[in-house]
Amino acid sequence: GYYNTKKYNFSINVKSDQPELVISGVKTSPEVINPNQEIILTLKVQNSGEGSAKGVIVKLEGLDFQGVTTAYIGEIKPDEELPARFVLKSKDVGLYSFNSKIFYKSTGEDQMMQFPLSLQVFPRSDLIFWIIGGAALMGTTALLIFLAIRFRVKEDDE
């Protein structure tokens, strides 16, 4: 048979050396956040892509806490994970939703990734800690008294 053939010229632009940034971890210190408390929020930013991300900046948007809400990381190479730390002061009890935006340059172009996050502020639980702490202290004291009596009894037997 006869085949009708046409020639097409086209090019494919493959960008394989692109960074791919993700928030790989979220940690607060202290772990349990109480109202009006100074906290350190650490976001781990990981580059799981093939290329380096340069001029990396992480911004917290919509988080109604006092403090610095921008962290400069710099360059994140492929398979590298670096922290963005924020010193903040919490507000009242509640769930606070916000966006973490990662700005960076890749092959000269400005890029932005956005990740929704939330922080929970819990009521103060000092009373519970006093009760648990007190019980632990009494338990330790009782154990020491028990051991002291036992040791004395052993001494008397000899």
Protein backbone atom coordinates (compact mmCIF):
# COMPACT_ATOMS: atom_id res chain seq x y z
CA GLY A 1 0.00 0.00 0.00
CA TYR A 2 0.69 3.62 -0.14
CA TYR A 3 1.31 5.65 3.08
CA ASN A 4 0.84 9.40 3.28
CA THR A 5 3.72 10.78 5.39
CA LYS A 6 4.16 14.27 6.72
CA LYS A 7 7.16 15.68 8.51
CA TYR A 8 6.67 17.66 11.74
CA ASN A 9 9.46 19.54 13.45
CA PHE A 10 9.03 20.17 17.16
CA SER A 11 11.18 20.57 20.23
CA ILE A 12 10.65 19.45 23.79
CA ASN A 13 12.05 21.62 26.54
CA VAL A 14 12.87 19.36 29.50
CA LYS A 15 13.66 21.08 32.78
CA SER A 16 15.12 18.23 34.80
CA ASP A 17 17.35 20.33 37.04
CA GLN A 18 14.46 21.96 38.91
CA PRO A 19 14.29 22.16 42.70
CA GLU A 20 11.18 20.83 44.41
CA LEU A 21 10.67 22.38 47.85
CA VAL A 22 8.35 20.96 50.50
CA ILE A 23 7.74 21.51 54.21
CA SER A 24 9.09 18.21 55.55
CA GLY A 25 8.59 18.92 59.25
CA VAL A 26 6.93 21.27 61.72
CA LYS A 27 8.07 21.60 65.33
CA THR A 28 7.27 23.99 68.14
CA SER A 29 9.22 24.60 71.30
CA PRO A 30 7.58 24.11 73.71
CA GLU A 31 5.56 21.32 72.07
CA VAL A 32 2.34 22.33 73.86
CA ILE A 33 1.57 26.00 73.22
CA ASN A 34 -0.22 28.01 75.92
CA PRO A 35 -1.73 31.51 75.59
CA ASN A 36 0.62 34.54 75.52
CA GLN A 37 3.72 32.35 75.47
CA GLU A 38 6.98 32.86 73.58
CA ILE A 39 7.47 29.95 71.20
CA ILE A 40 9.93 28.89 68.52
CA LEU A 41 8.29 27.52 65.38
CA THR A 42 10.67 25.52 63.18
CA LEU A 43 9.68 24.55 59.64
CA LYS A 44 11.99 22.10 57.89
CA VAL A 45 12.26 22.87 54.18
CA GLN A 46 13.45 20.01 51.99
CA ASN A 47 14.57 20.09 48.38
CA SER A 48 13.55 16.79 46.82
CA GLY A 49 14.23 18.03 43.29
CA GLU A 50 17.25 17.80 41.00
CA GLY A 51 18.39 21.44 41.09
CA SER A 52 19.37 23.99 43.72
CA ALA A 53 16.92 26.56 45.04
CA LYS A 54 18.59 29.91 45.64
CA GLY A 55 17.58 32.88 47.80
CA VAL A 56 15.04 30.80 49.73
CA ILE A 57 12.76 32.85 52.00
CA VAL A 58 9.90 31.44 54.10
CA LYS A 59 7.02 33.73 55.09
CA LEU A 60 4.15 32.99 57.45
CA GLU A 61 0.98 34.65 56.18
CA GLY A 62 -2.25 34.96 58.13
CA LEU A 63 -0.80 33.83 61.49
CA ASP A 64 -2.07 36.27 64.11
CA PHE A 65 0.94 35.91 66.45
CA GLN A 66 3.45 38.62 67.36
CA GLY A 67 7.02 38.20 66.16
CA VAL A 68 9.15 37.91 63.05
CA THR A 69 7.22 36.05 60.34
CA THR A 70 9.96 35.95 57.69
CA ALA A 71 13.00 33.64 57.68
CA TYR A 72 15.87 33.73 55.18
CA ILE A 73 17.40 30.32 54.44
CA GLY A 74 19.56 30.99 51.38
CA GLU A 75 20.45 28.09 49.10
CA ILE A 76 18.99 24.61 49.46
CA LYS A 77 20.80 22.01 47.36
CA PRO A 78 19.16 18.80 46.06
CA ASP A 79 18.33 16.30 48.85
CA GLU A 80 19.14 18.95 51.47
CA GLU A 81 16.85 19.90 54.36
CA LEU A 82 17.27 23.21 56.21
CA PRO A 83 15.28 24.85 59.03
CA ALA A 84 13.35 28.12 58.98
CA ARG A 85 12.95 29.37 62.57
CA PHE A 86 10.43 31.88 63.84
CA VAL A 87 10.33 33.37 67.36
CA LEU A 88 6.69 34.19 68.04
CA LYS A 89 4.31 35.03 70.89
CA SER A 90 1.08 33.04 70.95
CA LYS A 91 -2.41 34.50 71.40
CA ASP A 92 -5.53 33.15 73.11
CA VAL A 93 -6.68 29.51 73.17
CA GLY A 94 -7.74 28.26 69.71
CA LEU A 95 -6.70 26.79 66.38
CA TYR A 96 -4.75 29.20 64.15
CA SER A 97 -4.62 28.38 60.43
CA PHE A 98 -2.09 30.12 58.21
CA ASN A 99 -0.04 29.71 55.03
CA SER A 100 3.68 29.19 54.83
CA LYS A 101 4.97 30.57 51.56
CA ILE A 102 8.38 29.59 50.23
CA PHE A 103 9.93 32.04 47.78
CA TYR A 104 13.02 31.05 45.80
CA LYS A 105 14.90 31.43 42.52
CA SER A 106 15.39 28.58 40.13
CA THR A 107 17.21 28.97 36.78
CA GLY A 108 16.92 32.73 37.30
CA GLU A 109 13.13 32.70 37.64
CA ASP A 110 11.17 33.65 40.78
CA GLN A 111 9.15 30.76 42.18
CA MET A 112 6.68 30.39 45.04
CA MET A 113 5.23 27.36 46.84
CA GLN A 114 2.44 27.58 49.40
CA PHE A 115 1.58 25.15 52.21
CA PRO A 116 -1.39 25.46 54.60
CA LEU A 117 -0.51 24.88 58.26
CA SER A 118 -2.13 25.35 61.66
CA LEU A 119 -1.08 25.76 65.29
CA GLN A 120 -3.19 24.86 68.33
CA VAL A 121 -3.03 26.97 71.49
CA PHE A 122 -4.16 25.00 74.55
CA PRO A 123 -5.46 26.26 77.90
CA ARG A 124 -2.84 26.43 80.65
CA SER A 125 -2.58 23.15 82.50
CA ASP A 126 -0.37 24.22 85.42
CA LEU A 127 -2.75 22.59 87.93
CA ILE A 128 -2.44 19.19 86.22
CA PHE A 129 1.37 19.45 86.24
CA TRP A 130 1.31 20.37 89.95
CA ILE A 131 -0.86 17.33 90.73
CA ILE A 132 1.25 14.93 88.61
CA GLY A 133 4.50 16.51 89.88
CA GLY A 134 3.29 16.32 93.49
CA ALA A 135 2.25 12.67 93.12
CA ALA A 136 5.63 11.83 91.56
CA LEU A 137 7.43 13.65 94.40
CA MET A 138 5.36 11.83 97.05
CA GLY A 139 5.98 8.52 95.29
CA THR A 140 9.75 9.14 95.23
CA THR A 141 9.72 10.14 98.94
CA ALA A 142 7.72 7.01 99.86
CA LEU A 143 10.17 4.83 97.90
CA LEU A 144 13.18 6.42 99.67
CA ILE A 145 11.56 5.90 103.09
CA PHE A 146 10.77 2.27 102.18
CA LEU A 147 14.38 1.66 101.06
CA ALA A 148 15.77 3.36 104.20
CA ILE A 149 13.59 1.17 106.48
CA ARG A 150 14.55 -1.98 104.56
CA PHE A 151 18.25 -1.07 104.76
CA ARG A 152 17.95 -0.46 108.53
CA VAL A 153 16.15 -3.80 109.03
CA LYS A 154 18.98 -5.57 107.17
CA GLU A 155 21.57 -3.82 109.35
CA ASP A 156 19.75 -4.87 112.53
CA ASP A 157 19.62 -8.53 111.44
CA GLU A 158 23.40 -8.82 111.26
